[in-house]
């Protein structure tokens, strides 16, 4: 399942998260005319989530 949100009013970007069965899914919906640098934002999110998950991973002996 993937959460999909609507952009309404003056919203240019929307983030939604859905957690189910040990999986976290995050979706981003953007008004491309008002937020043209989406690839930069997504790349930063991927980098930060990878960093967070690496820190949260259990240590191996």
C-alpha atoms as a PDB file:
ATOM      1  CA  UNK A   1       0.000   0.000   0.000  1.00  0.00           C
ATOM      2  CA  UNK A   2       1.205   3.477  -0.837  1.00  0.00           C
ATOM      3  CA  UNK A   3      -0.350   6.585   0.737  1.00  0.00           C
ATOM      4  CA  UNK A   4      -1.421   9.238  -1.765  1.00  0.00           C
ATOM      5  CA  UNK A   5      -2.387  12.713  -0.590  1.00  0.00           C
ATOM      6  CA  UNK A   6      -3.971  15.660  -2.290  1.00  0.00           C
ATOM      7  CA  UNK A   7      -2.444  19.087  -2.712  1.00  0.00           C
ATOM      8  CA  UNK A   8      -5.021  21.717  -1.910  1.00  0.00           C
ATOM      9  CA  UNK A   9      -4.996  25.431  -1.318  1.00  0.00           C
ATOM     10  CA  UNK A  10      -1.501  26.837  -1.083  1.00  0.00           C
ATOM     11  CA  UNK A  11       0.275  23.504  -0.445  1.00  0.00           C
ATOM     12  CA  UNK A  12       3.195  22.903  -2.790  1.00  0.00           C
ATOM     13  CA  UNK A  13       4.389  19.653  -1.200  1.00  0.00           C
ATOM     14  CA  UNK A  14       2.871  16.831   0.813  1.00  0.00           C
ATOM     15  CA  UNK A  15       4.558  14.028   2.775  1.00  0.00           C
ATOM     16  CA  UNK A  16       2.630  10.953   3.884  1.00  0.00           C
ATOM     17  CA  UNK A  17       3.870   7.963   5.833  1.00  0.00           C
ATOM     18  CA  UNK A  18       2.365   4.503   6.169  1.00  0.00           C
ATOM     19  CA  UNK A  19       3.718   1.749   8.388  1.00  0.00           C
ATOM     20  CA  UNK A  20       2.486  -1.825   8.042  1.00  0.00           C
ATOM     21  CA  UNK A  21       3.984  -5.226   8.772  1.00  0.00           C
ATOM     22  CA  UNK A  22       7.426  -3.825   9.558  1.00  0.00           C
ATOM     23  CA  UNK A  23       7.651  -1.714   6.406  1.00  0.00           C
ATOM     24  CA  UNK A  24       7.605   2.097   6.366  1.00  0.00           C
ATOM     25  CA  UNK A  25       6.490   3.729   3.128  1.00  0.00           C
ATOM     26  CA  UNK A  26       6.846   7.477   2.609  1.00  0.00           C
ATOM     27  CA  UNK A  27       5.307   9.232  -0.356  1.00  0.00           C
ATOM     28  CA  UNK A  28       5.968  12.761  -1.552  1.00  0.00           C
ATOM     29  CA  UNK A  29       3.578  14.664  -3.786  1.00  0.00           C
ATOM     30  CA  UNK A  30       4.733  17.950  -5.272  1.00  0.00           C
ATOM     31  CA  UNK A  31       3.420  20.778  -7.399  1.00  0.00           C
ATOM     32  CA  UNK A  32       6.248  20.749  -9.965  1.00  0.00           C
ATOM     33  CA  UNK A  33       5.751  24.395 -10.934  1.00  0.00           C
ATOM     34  CA  UNK A  34       6.138  25.593  -7.343  1.00  0.00           C
ATOM     35  CA  UNK A  35       8.810  23.113  -6.232  1.00  0.00           C
ATOM     36  CA  UNK A  36      11.014  22.322  -9.264  1.00  0.00           C
ATOM     37  CA  UNK A  37      13.916  20.794  -7.323  1.00  0.00           C
ATOM     38  CA  UNK A  38      12.159  17.573  -6.262  1.00  0.00           C
ATOM     39  CA  UNK A  39      15.115  15.323  -7.261  1.00  0.00           C
ATOM     40  CA  UNK A  40      17.345  17.232  -4.822  1.00  0.00           C
ATOM     41  CA  UNK A  41      14.800  16.806  -2.017  1.00  0.00           C
ATOM     42  CA  UNK A  42      14.307  13.086  -2.679  1.00  0.00           C
ATOM     43  CA  UNK A  43      18.065  12.457  -2.871  1.00  0.00           C
ATOM     44  CA  UNK A  44      18.529  14.179   0.500  1.00  0.00           C
ATOM     45  CA  UNK A  45      15.691  12.140   2.019  1.00  0.00           C
ATOM     46  CA  UNK A  46      17.206   8.886   0.741  1.00  0.00           C
ATOM     47  CA  UNK A  47      20.622   9.826   2.127  1.00  0.00           C
ATOM     48  CA  UNK A  48      19.196  10.738   5.532  1.00  0.00           C
ATOM     49  CA  UNK A  49      16.984   7.624   5.804  1.00  0.00           C
ATOM     50  CA  UNK A  50      19.949   5.400   4.903  1.00  0.00           C
ATOM     51  CA  UNK A  51      21.983   7.100   7.606  1.00  0.00           C
ATOM     52  CA  UNK A  52      19.212   6.668  10.179  1.00  0.00           C
ATOM     53  CA  UNK A  53      18.638   3.006   9.353  1.00  0.00           C
ATOM     54  CA  UNK A  54      22.373   2.285   9.496  1.00  0.00           C
ATOM     55  CA  UNK A  55      22.529   3.820  12.986  1.00  0.00           C
ATOM     56  CA  UNK A  56      19.467   1.869  14.115  1.00  0.00           C
ATOM     57  CA  UNK A  57      20.704  -1.488  12.779  1.00  0.00           C
ATOM     58  CA  UNK A  58      21.645  -3.982  15.470  1.00  0.00           C
ATOM     59  CA  UNK A  59      25.359  -4.436  16.036  1.00  0.00           C
ATOM     60  CA  UNK A  60      26.799  -7.712  14.789  1.00  0.00           C
ATOM     61  CA  UNK A  61      29.209  -9.680  16.934  1.00  0.00           C
END
